[in-house]
Protein backbone atom coordinates (compact mmCIF):
# COMPACT_ATOMS: atom_id res chain seq x y z
CA MET A 1 0.02 0.06 0.00
CA PRO A 2 1.57 3.35 -1.04
CA THR A 3 2.38 5.76 1.68
CA ARG A 4 0.40 8.98 1.84
CA THR A 5 1.99 12.29 2.56
CA PRO A 6 0.15 13.95 5.46
CA ALA A 7 -1.92 16.96 4.35
CA PRO A 8 -0.51 20.24 5.73
CA PRO A 9 -2.55 21.46 8.73
CA ARG A 10 -5.25 23.89 8.33
CA ARG A 11 -4.63 27.39 9.80
CA TRP A 12 -6.94 30.19 10.34
CA TRP A 13 -6.50 33.87 10.90
CA ARG A 14 -8.88 36.63 11.79
CA GLY A 15 -8.34 39.79 9.89
CA ARG A 16 -5.36 41.27 11.65
CA ARG A 17 -2.89 41.34 8.66
CA PRO A 18 -1.27 43.56 7.59
CA PRO A 19 -0.65 45.91 10.53
CA ARG A 20 -1.92 48.86 8.38
CA PRO A 21 -5.23 47.61 6.77
CA GLY A 22 -5.96 49.26 3.55
CA TRP A 23 -2.37 50.27 2.68
CA PRO A 24 -0.98 48.25 -0.20
CA ARG A 25 2.53 47.18 -0.47
CA CYS A 26 4.55 49.20 -2.94
CA SER A 27 3.63 47.99 -6.47
CA ARG A 28 6.20 49.96 -8.32
CA ASP A 29 10.00 49.92 -8.61
CA PRO A 30 11.58 51.45 -5.44
CA CYS A 31 13.85 53.48 -7.76
CA ASP A 32 10.75 55.25 -9.07
CA PRO A 33 8.86 57.05 -6.25
CA SER A 34 5.36 57.55 -7.48
CA VAL A 35 1.76 58.18 -6.33
CA ASP A 36 -0.75 55.54 -7.18
CA ALA A 37 -3.95 57.27 -8.26
CA ALA A 38 -5.96 54.33 -6.99
CA TRP A 39 -4.37 54.02 -3.57
CA PRO A 40 -3.31 57.18 -1.63
CA THR A 41 0.24 55.80 -1.13
CA VAL A 42 3.71 57.02 -2.02
CA CYS A 43 6.23 54.27 -2.57
CA VAL A 44 9.88 55.03 -1.65
CA GLY A 45 12.46 52.44 -1.13
CA GLY A 46 9.80 49.82 -0.32
CA HIS A 47 8.23 52.10 2.29
CA ASP A 48 4.43 52.86 2.13
CA LEU A 49 3.93 56.58 2.90
CA ARG A 50 0.22 57.58 2.96
CA VAL A 51 -0.91 60.78 1.29
CA GLY A 52 -3.24 62.99 3.32
CA PRO A 53 -5.71 65.67 2.07
CA LEU A 54 -4.41 68.43 4.27
CA LEU A 55 -1.52 70.71 3.58
CA VAL A 56 0.12 69.91 6.88
CA ARG A 57 0.01 66.21 6.02
CA ARG A 58 1.54 66.88 2.66
CA LEU A 59 4.28 68.90 4.14
CA ALA A 60 4.94 66.14 6.52
CA LEU A 61 5.03 63.70 3.64
CA LEU A 62 7.51 65.82 1.83
CA VAL A 63 9.83 65.71 4.81
CA THR A 64 9.52 62.02 5.08
CA VAL A 65 10.21 61.48 1.43
CA LEU A 66 13.32 63.53 1.73
CA THR A 67 14.35 61.64 4.87
CA PHE A 68 13.98 58.24 3.32
CA ALA A 69 15.47 59.16 -0.05
CA GLY A 70 18.78 57.65 0.81
CA ALA A 71 17.01 54.47 1.91
CA GLY A 72 15.24 54.34 -1.41
CA LEU A 73 18.57 54.56 -3.25
CA ALA A 74 20.10 51.90 -0.98
CA ALA A 75 17.33 49.60 -1.85
CA CYS A 76 17.83 50.17 -5.49
CA SER A 77 21.54 49.61 -5.24
CA SER A 78 21.13 46.36 -3.33
CA GLY A 79 18.65 44.93 -5.77
CA ALA A 80 15.93 44.62 -3.20
CA LYS A 81 12.36 45.03 -4.40
CA PRO A 82 9.10 45.20 -2.51
CA GLU A 83 6.48 42.51 -3.05
CA SER A 84 4.04 43.65 -5.64
CA SER A 85 0.50 44.61 -4.71
CA PRO A 86 -2.33 42.02 -5.16
CA LEU A 87 -3.74 44.63 -7.54
CA ALA A 88 -0.69 44.58 -9.84
CA LEU A 89 -1.47 43.51 -13.40
CA THR A 90 0.78 41.29 -15.47
CA ALA A 91 0.39 40.09 -19.10
CA LEU A 92 -2.07 37.30 -19.69
CA ARG A 93 -1.99 34.31 -21.94
CA ALA A 94 -4.50 31.63 -22.90
CA GLU A 95 -3.94 27.92 -22.22
CA ALA A 96 -6.06 25.65 -24.37
CA ASP A 97 -7.22 22.31 -23.01
CA PRO A 98 -9.83 20.32 -24.94
CA VAL A 99 -10.39 17.93 -22.07
CA ARG A 100 -10.59 20.02 -18.91
CA GLY A 101 -11.28 23.30 -20.60
CA GLY A 102 -9.08 26.21 -21.42
CA ARG A 103 -8.02 28.90 -18.92
CA ILE A 104 -6.45 32.28 -18.77
CA VAL A 105 -3.08 32.35 -17.07
CA ASP A 106 -0.79 35.25 -15.95
CA GLY A 107 3.00 35.52 -15.83
CA GLU A 108 3.16 33.82 -12.44
CA GLY A 109 1.44 30.71 -13.73
CA ARG A 110 -1.86 31.62 -11.90
CA GLU A 111 -5.30 30.87 -13.42
CA VAL A 112 -7.03 34.27 -13.69
CA LEU A 113 -10.77 34.75 -13.62
CA LEU A 114 -11.62 38.00 -15.45
CA ARG A 115 -14.92 39.28 -13.92
CA GLY A 116 -16.28 42.78 -14.54
CA VAL A 117 -18.47 45.09 -16.51
CA ASN A 118 -18.95 46.73 -19.91
CA VAL A 119 -18.15 50.44 -20.15
CA ASN A 120 -19.37 52.38 -23.25
CA ALA A 121 -18.20 55.91 -22.23
CA LEU A 122 -15.89 56.03 -25.22
CA ALA A 123 -18.20 54.55 -27.79
CA GLU A 124 -19.78 56.66 -30.48
CA TYR A 125 -23.44 55.99 -31.07
CA TRP A 126 -25.97 57.41 -33.43
CA LYS A 127 -27.80 60.26 -31.73
CA GLY A 128 -31.52 60.15 -32.12
CA VAL A 129 -32.72 62.34 -29.22
CA ASP A 130 -31.37 65.41 -27.39
CA PHE A 131 -29.83 63.37 -24.48
CA PRO A 132 -26.20 62.37 -24.74
CA THR A 133 -25.71 58.87 -25.97
CA THR A 134 -23.31 57.84 -23.13
CA PHE A 135 -22.15 58.97 -19.72
CA PRO A 136 -18.51 59.69 -19.09
CA LEU A 137 -16.62 57.57 -16.62
CA ALA A 138 -17.08 59.36 -13.22
CA SER A 139 -14.24 60.14 -10.93
CA ASP A 140 -15.19 57.41 -8.39
CA ASP A 141 -16.29 54.74 -10.95
CA THR A 142 -13.00 52.75 -10.66
CA ALA A 143 -13.22 52.72 -6.87
CA ARG A 144 -16.79 51.48 -7.08
CA MET A 145 -15.87 48.69 -9.55
CA ARG A 146 -13.06 47.64 -7.37
CA SER A 147 -15.27 47.52 -4.30
CA ILE A 148 -17.67 45.20 -6.15
CA GLY A 149 -14.60 42.90 -6.48
CA TRP A 150 -14.17 43.13 -10.28
CA ASP A 151 -10.83 42.91 -12.02
CA ALA A 152 -11.81 43.66 -15.60
CA VAL A 153 -13.61 46.15 -17.83
CA ARG A 154 -14.76 45.45 -21.32
CA LEU A 155 -14.00 48.79 -22.79
CA LEU A 156 -16.02 49.71 -25.89
CA VAL A 157 -14.33 51.60 -28.72
CA SER A 158 -15.75 52.57 -32.05
CA TRP A 159 -14.21 52.07 -35.56
CA SER A 160 -15.95 55.32 -36.59
CA ARG A 161 -13.85 57.18 -33.95
CA ILE A 162 -10.62 55.39 -34.59
CA GLU A 163 -10.62 55.74 -38.36
CA PRO A 164 -12.82 58.72 -39.34
CA GLY A 165 -11.29 58.58 -42.89
CA PRO A 166 -9.89 55.73 -44.90
CA GLY A 167 -6.40 54.99 -43.54
CA HIS A 168 -6.58 58.14 -41.21
CA TYR A 169 -6.44 57.25 -37.56
CA ASP A 170 -7.49 59.67 -34.79
CA GLU A 171 -4.63 59.48 -32.44
CA ALA A 172 -6.25 61.88 -29.98
CA TYR A 173 -9.07 59.43 -29.58
CA LEU A 174 -6.59 56.63 -29.10
CA ASP A 175 -4.81 58.78 -26.48
CA GLN A 176 -8.18 59.02 -24.65
CA VAL A 177 -8.40 55.24 -24.80
CA ALA A 178 -4.90 54.93 -23.43
CA ARG A 179 -5.63 57.25 -20.54
CA THR A 180 -8.72 55.29 -19.68
CA VAL A 181 -6.73 52.02 -19.78
CA ARG A 182 -4.11 53.44 -17.49
CA ARG A 183 -6.73 54.72 -15.05
CA LEU A 184 -8.36 51.33 -14.89
CA GLY A 185 -5.03 49.63 -14.56
CA GLN A 186 -4.11 51.75 -11.56
CA ALA A 187 -7.28 50.45 -9.88
CA GLY A 188 -6.32 46.73 -10.64
CA LEU A 189 -8.74 46.55 -13.52
CA TYR A 190 -7.63 44.82 -16.79
CA SER A 191 -9.07 46.37 -20.04
CA ILE A 192 -10.57 44.28 -22.80
CA ILE A 193 -10.57 46.55 -25.76
CA ASP A 194 -13.88 45.75 -27.47
CA PHE A 195 -14.30 46.85 -31.11
CA HIS A 196 -18.00 47.36 -30.65
CA GLN A 197 -20.72 47.47 -33.32
CA ASP A 198 -24.50 47.04 -33.40
CA ALA A 199 -26.32 46.61 -36.64
CA TRP A 200 -23.24 47.84 -38.65
CA GLY A 201 -23.10 51.53 -37.66
CA PRO A 202 -24.59 55.08 -37.27
CA ALA A 203 -24.81 55.64 -41.04
CA THR A 204 -27.65 53.16 -41.71
CA ALA A 205 -30.27 55.39 -40.00
CA ALA A 206 -33.23 56.24 -42.13
CA ARG A 207 -32.77 59.32 -44.35
CA PRO A 208 -34.89 62.38 -43.37
CA GLY A 209 -38.48 61.79 -44.59
CA GLU A 210 -37.76 58.27 -45.80
CA ARG A 211 -40.88 56.29 -46.13
CA CYS A 212 -41.08 52.52 -45.49
CA VAL A 213 -43.71 49.95 -46.64
CA PRO A 214 -45.52 48.70 -43.56
CA PRO A 215 -44.89 46.78 -41.39
CA ALA A 216 -41.41 48.03 -41.90
CA VAL A 217 -40.51 51.29 -40.11
CA PRO A 218 -37.68 53.82 -40.63
CA GLY A 219 -34.49 52.44 -39.16
CA LEU A 220 -32.50 53.89 -36.33
CA GLY A 221 -28.76 54.32 -36.47
CA TRP A 222 -26.43 52.34 -34.15
CA ASP A 223 -22.65 52.18 -33.73
CA GLY A 224 -19.56 50.73 -35.20
CA ALA A 225 -18.58 51.44 -38.83
CA PRO A 226 -17.76 54.93 -40.15
CA ALA A 227 -19.88 56.35 -42.88
CA TRP A 228 -17.12 55.93 -45.53
CA ALA A 229 -17.16 52.22 -44.84
CA THR A 230 -20.87 51.82 -45.10
CA LEU A 231 -21.49 50.62 -48.65
CA ASP A 232 -25.23 50.05 -48.55
CA GLY A 233 -25.98 50.43 -52.22
CA ASP A 234 -28.52 53.23 -51.56
CA LEU A 235 -30.99 50.53 -50.41
CA PRO A 236 -33.88 51.41 -48.11
CA ARG A 237 -33.02 52.00 -44.52
CA CYS A 238 -36.09 50.42 -43.08
CA THR A 239 -36.25 47.78 -40.38
CA LEU A 240 -38.68 44.84 -40.10
CA GLY A 241 -38.64 43.68 -36.47
CA ALA A 242 -35.06 43.32 -35.52
CA ARG A 243 -32.57 46.12 -36.08
CA GLU A 244 -30.40 43.90 -38.26
CA ILE A 245 -33.25 43.18 -40.72
CA ASN A 246 -32.67 46.27 -42.73
CA PRO A 247 -31.80 46.23 -46.45
CA ALA A 248 -29.12 48.89 -46.09
CA THR A 249 -27.56 47.19 -43.08
CA MET A 250 -27.53 43.75 -44.72
CA ARG A 251 -26.01 45.26 -47.88
CA ALA A 252 -23.22 46.89 -45.80
CA TRP A 253 -22.41 43.55 -44.15
CA GLN A 254 -22.10 41.82 -47.55
CA ALA A 255 -19.83 44.50 -48.72
CA PHE A 256 -17.75 43.90 -45.66
CA PHE A 257 -17.58 40.09 -45.89
CA THR A 258 -16.56 40.34 -49.63
CA ASP A 259 -14.09 43.19 -48.97
CA GLU A 260 -15.75 45.53 -51.49
CA LYS A 261 -13.68 48.61 -52.20
CA ALA A 262 -14.49 51.95 -50.60
CA SER A 263 -14.01 55.26 -52.34
CA ASP A 264 -10.29 55.14 -51.94
CA GLY A 265 -9.94 51.85 -53.72
CA VAL A 266 -9.18 49.71 -50.70
CA GLY A 267 -11.55 46.99 -49.43
CA VAL A 268 -13.50 47.80 -46.24
CA GLN A 269 -12.54 44.57 -44.55
CA THR A 270 -8.92 45.19 -45.39
CA ARG A 271 -9.19 48.63 -43.75
CA TYR A 272 -10.90 47.09 -40.71
CA VAL A 273 -8.20 44.50 -40.29
CA ALA A 274 -5.42 47.14 -40.56
CA MET A 275 -7.18 49.19 -38.01
CA LEU A 276 -7.16 46.41 -35.58
CA GLY A 277 -3.41 46.08 -36.08
CA HIS A 278 -2.90 49.77 -35.57
CA VAL A 279 -4.60 49.74 -32.22
CA ALA A 280 -2.75 46.56 -31.15
CA GLY A 281 0.53 48.31 -31.94
CA ARG A 282 -0.42 51.21 -29.68
CA PHE A 283 -1.05 48.85 -26.71
CA ALA A 284 1.59 46.13 -27.50
CA ARG A 285 3.56 46.85 -24.46
CA SER A 286 0.58 47.49 -22.07
CA PRO A 287 0.06 44.70 -19.52
CA GLU A 288 -3.10 46.43 -18.39
CA VAL A 289 -4.67 45.41 -21.69
CA ALA A 290 -5.87 41.85 -21.24
CA GLY A 291 -6.66 41.65 -24.93
CA TYR A 292 -8.92 42.58 -27.86
CA ASP A 293 -12.43 41.51 -28.75
CA LEU A 294 -12.24 41.57 -32.48
CA MET A 295 -15.87 42.47 -33.25
CA ASN A 296 -19.01 42.66 -31.12
CA GLU A 297 -21.94 40.42 -32.30
CA PRO A 298 -21.06 40.17 -36.00
CA ASN A 299 -24.01 39.76 -38.33
CA ALA A 300 -23.08 36.51 -39.85
CA PHE A 301 -26.47 34.84 -40.21
CA VAL A 302 -25.96 32.16 -42.99
CA PRO A 303 -23.21 29.53 -43.34
CA ALA A 304 -21.34 31.34 -46.15
CA ASP A 305 -21.17 34.53 -44.07
CA ASN A 306 -20.01 32.50 -40.88
CA GLN A 307 -17.16 31.07 -43.06
CA ARG A 308 -16.29 34.62 -44.24
CA LEU A 309 -16.31 35.82 -40.66
CA ALA A 310 -13.76 33.07 -39.79
CA THR A 311 -11.58 34.22 -42.71
CA MET A 312 -11.84 37.82 -41.36
CA TYR A 313 -10.80 36.55 -37.86
CA ARG A 314 -7.75 34.77 -39.33
CA LEU A 315 -6.56 37.96 -41.08
CA ALA A 316 -7.28 40.00 -37.90
CA VAL A 317 -5.21 37.75 -35.72
CA ALA A 318 -2.25 37.95 -38.15
CA SER A 319 -2.59 41.75 -38.28
CA ILE A 320 -2.54 42.08 -34.48
CA ARG A 321 0.44 39.75 -34.09
CA ARG A 322 2.43 41.66 -36.74
CA ALA A 323 1.74 44.89 -35.04
CA GLU A 324 2.79 43.52 -31.52
CA ARG A 325 6.03 42.14 -32.98
CA ALA A 326 6.82 45.46 -34.85
CA ALA A 327 6.19 47.38 -31.49
CA HIS A 328 8.53 44.90 -29.59
CA GLY A 329 5.54 44.07 -27.36
CA SER A 330 3.97 40.84 -26.08
CA PRO A 331 1.07 38.84 -27.48
CA HIS A 332 -2.33 39.72 -25.85
CA LEU A 333 -5.46 37.65 -25.62
CA ILE A 334 -7.67 37.78 -28.71
CA LEU A 335 -11.38 37.33 -28.09
CA PHE A 336 -13.58 36.15 -30.92
CA GLU A 337 -17.33 35.97 -30.89
CA PRO A 338 -19.91 33.86 -32.64
CA SER A 339 -22.60 35.43 -34.72
CA ALA A 340 -25.04 37.82 -33.09
CA LEU A 341 -27.55 34.96 -33.33
CA PHE A 342 -25.86 33.35 -30.24
CA SER A 343 -27.35 36.00 -27.98
CA ALA A 344 -30.86 34.96 -29.20
CA ILE A 345 -30.61 31.19 -29.61
CA GLY A 346 -27.58 30.32 -27.47
CA SER A 347 -25.40 28.46 -29.96
CA GLY A 348 -23.51 28.83 -33.33
CA PRO A 349 -19.66 29.20 -33.25
CA PRO A 350 -17.65 30.30 -36.21
CA PRO A 351 -15.50 27.65 -38.04
CA SER A 352 -12.05 27.10 -36.70
CA PHE A 353 -9.74 29.77 -38.13
CA SER A 354 -6.37 29.94 -36.34
CA ARG A 355 -3.79 28.00 -34.20
CA ASP A 356 -2.84 31.08 -32.38
CA ALA A 357 -1.98 30.25 -28.74
CA ASP A 358 -3.87 33.07 -27.10
CA LEU A 359 -7.42 32.86 -28.39
CA VAL A 360 -10.49 33.13 -26.14
CA TYR A 361 -14.02 32.23 -27.11
CA ALA A 362 -16.36 35.11 -26.16
CA PRO A 363 -20.11 34.43 -26.70
CA HIS A 364 -22.78 36.56 -24.99
CA ILE A 365 -24.61 34.17 -22.62
CA TYR A 366 -27.98 36.07 -22.33
CA THR A 367 -30.07 32.94 -21.85
CA GLY A 368 -33.18 34.13 -19.99
CA GLY A 369 -32.02 37.62 -19.80
CA PHE A 370 -34.21 39.11 -22.44
CA THR A 371 -37.28 36.93 -21.79
CA GLY A 372 -37.51 37.04 -18.07
CA GLY A 373 -36.67 33.30 -17.89
CA PRO A 374 -33.90 31.63 -15.94
CA ILE A 375 -30.29 31.17 -16.77
CA THR A 376 -29.54 27.45 -17.56
CA ARG A 377 -26.59 25.24 -17.00
CA ALA A 378 -27.13 24.08 -20.57
CA ALA A 379 -26.19 27.58 -21.83
CA PHE A 380 -22.69 27.28 -20.28
CA GLU A 381 -22.38 23.69 -21.37
CA THR A 382 -23.02 24.73 -24.91
CA ALA A 383 -20.37 27.51 -24.73
CA GLN A 384 -17.81 25.15 -23.20
CA ARG A 385 -18.58 22.41 -25.80
CA GLU A 386 -18.14 24.95 -28.69
CA ALA A 387 -14.93 26.17 -27.16
CA ARG A 388 -13.59 22.62 -26.87
CA ALA A 389 -14.38 22.01 -30.65
CA LEU A 390 -12.26 25.17 -31.34
CA GLY A 391 -9.23 23.68 -29.72
CA GLY A 392 -10.22 23.90 -26.08
CA VAL A 393 -9.81 27.66 -25.77
CA PRO A 394 -10.96 29.45 -22.63
CA VAL A 395 -14.51 30.94 -22.42
CA LEU A 396 -15.38 34.48 -21.39
CA SER A 397 -18.92 35.75 -21.71
CA GLY A 398 -18.29 39.24 -23.04
CA GLU A 399 -21.88 40.28 -22.18
CA TRP A 400 -24.52 38.91 -19.84
CA GLY A 401 -27.38 40.42 -17.82
CA ALA A 402 -31.02 41.16 -17.59
CA ASP A 403 -33.43 43.80 -16.40
CA PRO A 404 -31.91 45.09 -13.23
CA ALA A 405 -35.28 45.18 -11.56
CA ARG A 406 -35.07 41.35 -11.30
CA ALA A 407 -32.46 41.77 -8.59
CA SER A 408 -35.18 43.40 -6.35
CA ARG A 409 -37.62 40.53 -6.68
CA PRO A 410 -37.37 37.88 -3.88
CA ASP A 411 -38.43 35.06 -6.18
CA ASP A 412 -35.93 35.95 -8.98
CA SER A 413 -32.31 34.74 -8.59
CA TYR A 414 -31.07 35.33 -12.10
CA PHE A 415 -28.07 37.41 -11.36
CA VAL A 416 -27.06 35.08 -8.44
CA GLU A 417 -27.44 31.89 -10.41
CA HIS A 418 -25.66 33.24 -13.53
CA GLN A 419 -22.57 34.14 -11.42
CA GLN A 420 -22.69 30.75 -9.66
CA LEU A 421 -22.57 29.15 -13.14
CA GLN A 422 -19.67 31.31 -14.15
CA ASP A 423 -17.84 29.86 -11.09
CA ASP A 424 -18.87 26.21 -11.89
CA PHE A 425 -17.41 26.62 -15.37
CA ARG A 426 -14.49 28.82 -14.28
CA ALA A 427 -15.59 31.28 -17.06
CA GLY A 428 -14.82 34.93 -17.36
CA ALA A 429 -17.68 37.33 -17.71
CA THR A 430 -18.32 41.05 -18.01
CA LEU A 431 -21.82 42.37 -17.21
CA TRP A 432 -23.82 44.63 -19.58
CA THR A 433 -23.56 47.42 -18.54
CA TRP A 434 -22.09 49.98 -16.04
CA ARG A 435 -24.18 53.19 -16.63
CA GLU A 436 -26.58 53.56 -19.53
CA SER A 437 -27.81 56.86 -20.89
CA CYS A 438 -31.41 57.46 -22.00
CA GLY A 439 -29.84 58.77 -25.26
CA ASP A 440 -28.63 55.26 -26.11
CA PRO A 441 -30.19 54.11 -29.39
CA HIS A 442 -31.82 51.23 -27.42
CA LYS A 443 -34.09 53.84 -25.74
CA VAL A 444 -34.89 56.10 -28.73
CA SER A 445 -37.97 54.26 -29.98
CA ASP A 446 -39.59 54.53 -26.56
CA LEU A 447 -38.74 58.26 -26.19
CA ARG A 448 -40.03 59.08 -29.69
CA ALA A 449 -43.26 57.21 -28.82
CA GLY A 450 -43.70 59.22 -25.68
CA ARG A 451 -42.83 56.33 -23.42
CA VAL A 452 -40.37 56.72 -20.58
CA PRO A 453 -37.83 53.89 -20.92
CA GLY A 454 -35.78 52.11 -18.22
CA VAL A 455 -32.11 51.62 -18.45
CA TRP A 456 -29.84 48.78 -17.57
CA GLY A 457 -26.74 49.13 -15.41
CA GLU A 458 -25.83 49.75 -11.82
CA PHE A 459 -27.32 53.27 -11.74
CA GLU A 460 -30.93 54.55 -11.55
CA VAL A 461 -31.35 57.11 -14.35
CA ASP A 462 -34.53 59.25 -14.73
CA CYS A 463 -35.30 59.36 -18.50
CA HIS A 464 -37.40 62.50 -18.08
CA ASP A 465 -34.11 64.45 -17.92
CA ASN A 466 -31.37 61.84 -18.13
CA SER A 467 -30.30 62.50 -14.50
CA VAL A 468 -28.53 59.75 -12.47
CA THR A 469 -30.59 59.40 -9.24
CA GLY A 470 -28.69 56.79 -7.35
CA THR A 471 -27.24 53.29 -7.39
CA ARG A 472 -29.22 50.11 -7.68
CA ASP A 473 -28.39 48.69 -4.22
CA ALA A 474 -30.20 45.34 -4.75
CA LEU A 475 -28.34 44.66 -7.91
CA VAL A 476 -24.91 45.87 -6.55
CA ALA A 477 -25.44 43.59 -3.37
CA GLN A 478 -25.86 40.52 -5.65
CA LEU A 479 -22.86 41.51 -7.78
CA ARG A 480 -20.58 41.96 -4.67
CA ARG A 481 -19.49 38.38 -4.02
CA GLY A 482 -16.42 36.48 -3.10
CA TYR A 483 -14.26 34.71 -5.80
CA VAL A 484 -10.68 33.89 -6.56
CA ARG A 485 -9.25 36.48 -8.89
CA ALA A 486 -5.88 34.66 -9.36
CA ALA A 487 -5.31 30.95 -8.37
CA PRO A 488 -1.81 29.45 -8.08
CA GLY A 489 -1.62 26.71 -10.76
CA ARG A 490 -4.99 25.28 -11.70
CA LEU A 491 -8.22 26.32 -9.99
CA SER A 492 -10.33 23.27 -9.20
CA ARG A 493 -13.26 24.94 -7.48
CA THR A 494 -14.42 28.34 -6.42
CA ARG A 495 -17.77 28.72 -4.68
CA TRP A 496 -19.60 31.66 -3.10
CA ASP A 497 -22.41 31.09 -0.65
CA PRO A 498 -24.41 34.33 -0.53
CA ASP A 499 -26.54 33.26 2.47
CA ARG A 500 -23.53 32.61 4.71
CA ALA A 501 -21.19 35.21 3.04
CA SER A 502 -18.52 32.52 2.69
CA LEU A 503 -16.00 31.72 -0.10
CA GLU A 504 -14.49 28.32 -0.60
CA ALA A 505 -11.97 27.45 -3.27
CA SER A 506 -9.26 24.80 -3.99
CA GLY A 507 -6.71 24.02 -6.65
CA ARG A 508 -3.25 22.67 -7.22
CA ALA A 509 0.00 24.55 -7.88
CA GLY A 510 3.11 23.19 -9.53
CA LYS A 511 3.99 20.67 -12.22
CA ASN A 512 1.65 20.92 -15.21
CA GLY A 513 -0.48 23.47 -13.59
CA GLY A 514 2.27 25.89 -12.94
CA GLY A 515 2.10 28.58 -10.27
CA ASP A 516 4.34 26.95 -7.72
CA GLY A 517 5.18 29.61 -5.21
CA ALA A 518 2.69 32.08 -6.63
CA ARG A 519 0.25 34.00 -4.61
CA LEU A 520 -3.46 33.37 -4.44
CA VAL A 521 -5.53 36.48 -4.64
CA ALA A 522 -9.27 36.39 -3.62
CA PHE A 523 -11.92 39.02 -2.89
CA HIS A 524 -14.52 39.03 -0.16
CA PRO A 525 -17.19 41.79 0.17
CA ALA A 526 -16.74 42.27 3.91
CA ALA A 527 -16.42 45.81 5.06
CA ARG A 528 -13.00 45.38 6.67
CA PRO A 529 -10.37 42.72 7.25
CA ALA A 530 -11.40 42.29 10.93
CA ASP A 531 -14.76 41.02 9.77
CA VAL A 532 -13.48 37.82 8.17
CA ARG A 533 -11.89 34.55 9.26
CA VAL A 534 -9.59 32.87 6.79
CA THR A 535 -8.70 29.21 6.91
CA VAL A 536 -5.94 27.80 4.52
CA ARG A 537 -4.22 24.68 3.55
CA GLY A 538 -1.10 24.47 1.35
CA LEU A 539 -0.77 28.24 1.63
CA ASP A 540 1.34 30.61 3.66
CA ALA A 541 -0.28 32.88 6.28
CA PRO A 542 -2.56 35.22 4.33
CA ASP A 543 -2.39 39.02 4.09
CA LEU A 544 -5.65 40.90 4.14
CA LEU A 545 -6.02 44.29 2.63
CA ALA A 546 -9.03 46.56 2.83
CA VAL A 547 -10.37 47.76 -0.45
CA ARG A 548 -11.27 51.35 -0.70
CA GLY A 549 -15.07 51.59 -0.80
CA GLY A 550 -15.53 48.19 0.83
CA GLY A 551 -14.28 44.73 0.43
CA VAL A 552 -11.22 42.69 1.43
CA LEU A 553 -8.44 41.24 -0.72
CA ILE A 554 -6.85 38.04 0.54
CA SER A 555 -3.43 37.20 -0.58
CA ALA A 556 -1.43 33.93 0.32
CA ARG A 557 1.60 32.28 -1.28
CA ALA A 558 1.21 28.63 -2.37
CA HIS A 559 3.70 25.94 -1.15
CA GLY A 560 3.23 23.78 -4.22
CA GLY A 561 0.76 20.96 -4.50
CA ALA A 562 -2.83 21.01 -3.35
CA TRP A 563 -4.21 24.14 -1.73
CA SER A 564 -7.53 25.30 -0.32
CA ILE A 565 -9.01 28.38 1.23
CA ARG A 566 -12.10 29.37 3.13
CA VAL A 567 -13.10 32.89 3.78
CA ALA A 568 -16.04 33.42 6.08
CA ARG A 569 -17.66 36.51 7.53
CA LEU A 570 -17.53 36.68 11.35
CA ASN A 571 -20.67 36.94 13.51
CA GLY A 572 -22.94 36.97 10.52
CA ARG A 573 -22.00 40.53 9.60
């Protein structure tokens, strides 16, 4: 009978670590004193020096910085570096596995779960009413997102803004995107740059006075392609039911799939693929960028178009990789989506198109979200099965969600159950959406008909005047939940019990799973570290850090081999 190695003892800690809750360890090189915009801390020679709001405090800080300047230089010369913050972001890669399912992995060999929200603040939508089409990202938004526990934002960008003329890129707009990426990164949030479109673009809106044959109605504009790339053959801009069933929109998509030439003599698909490469070159050396979502909900509704979509994806991957190499950067994740039909029917992947090592399948798992029905386990099984057929790539649901009012109904557990299934399948997911304006094209039909629409997102908005009136506390409460952000090696299980406010997770570090000696990072929505009790096995003593705005980050280094952790709220608080 083989001998068994005794399991390491379980140990538990109440939230007493570190001595200064809420102060992160320095996350930057000690040779580069800097202020982290997300944490009020100056890092000098590995020392954490807190920034205060008052002038006296600032003067005291200045004296302290000067006093410790020599210590900072000594740390540099000796090669000593502080341990990075749990919020520090490193480049990600995909690891395909057709048997166990693919996963996203960071530079330390940790399995990373990307969980977050869509932000459309930088997207360009067609404007159909007087209200703005989007809200800007507010000054406290990143802190709010971090307090929910998220580590990712799917950041919408628009081709119409990036390339307003054929081959002409708006670098000022991309500078704005870069500033937003840096801001999110400082808060410990990865950016997934999403090349968003809906029903092709703004230029397929009905012409002034255009008449349509009933039951068709004049079409609205949407977002995505610039006008110069909208080759609609002057067909009617009338919609019949769904926004995509519009002769002009369908003609523009056919021109794209067949790479029809625009006025400059270059095919529109060729231009799109080159645009993707240009953006990838801008962010080739940015670890805060998790990756790129090649196209939101492409309108490939017949087998021939689905094959053409796969061809476009293959060209897009090659363009992005060329740009990254030319910029001496590193490969980023490339997310690819099935046809827009997936959101409605829950299946339908594109054909296999590339052997690139860093692909992620990104369907939108909205099952039950539009109809008021339940989310089902079968929806996730379908996505995982399709991903395995595509080489075992990881799955990240780029959009999911439902009417936020469902979170307030005692008999409706849609948001809770969707997130539990995300855990069960170890899938990434980004909720639709953060803050929605009443000027969004989705709301225009209601407003024009004299109806007051409701919006999705974490914020209540009064569509009489488009004013934000508060947060949706019931929804936010269901979104604030414990989960493992980064797991040493392979994550076997992560489970959140909302009734007991407890997180349990397990995995294995080392050997084929990697991550030996790496740190686990988990989130718990408790108000402060003293409110939780942590029990670990196969992990070092945990550090607990208070998250500004609420929440606790738990960090513990793996020994190698099996590990487990349980984080429970004390006294039912």
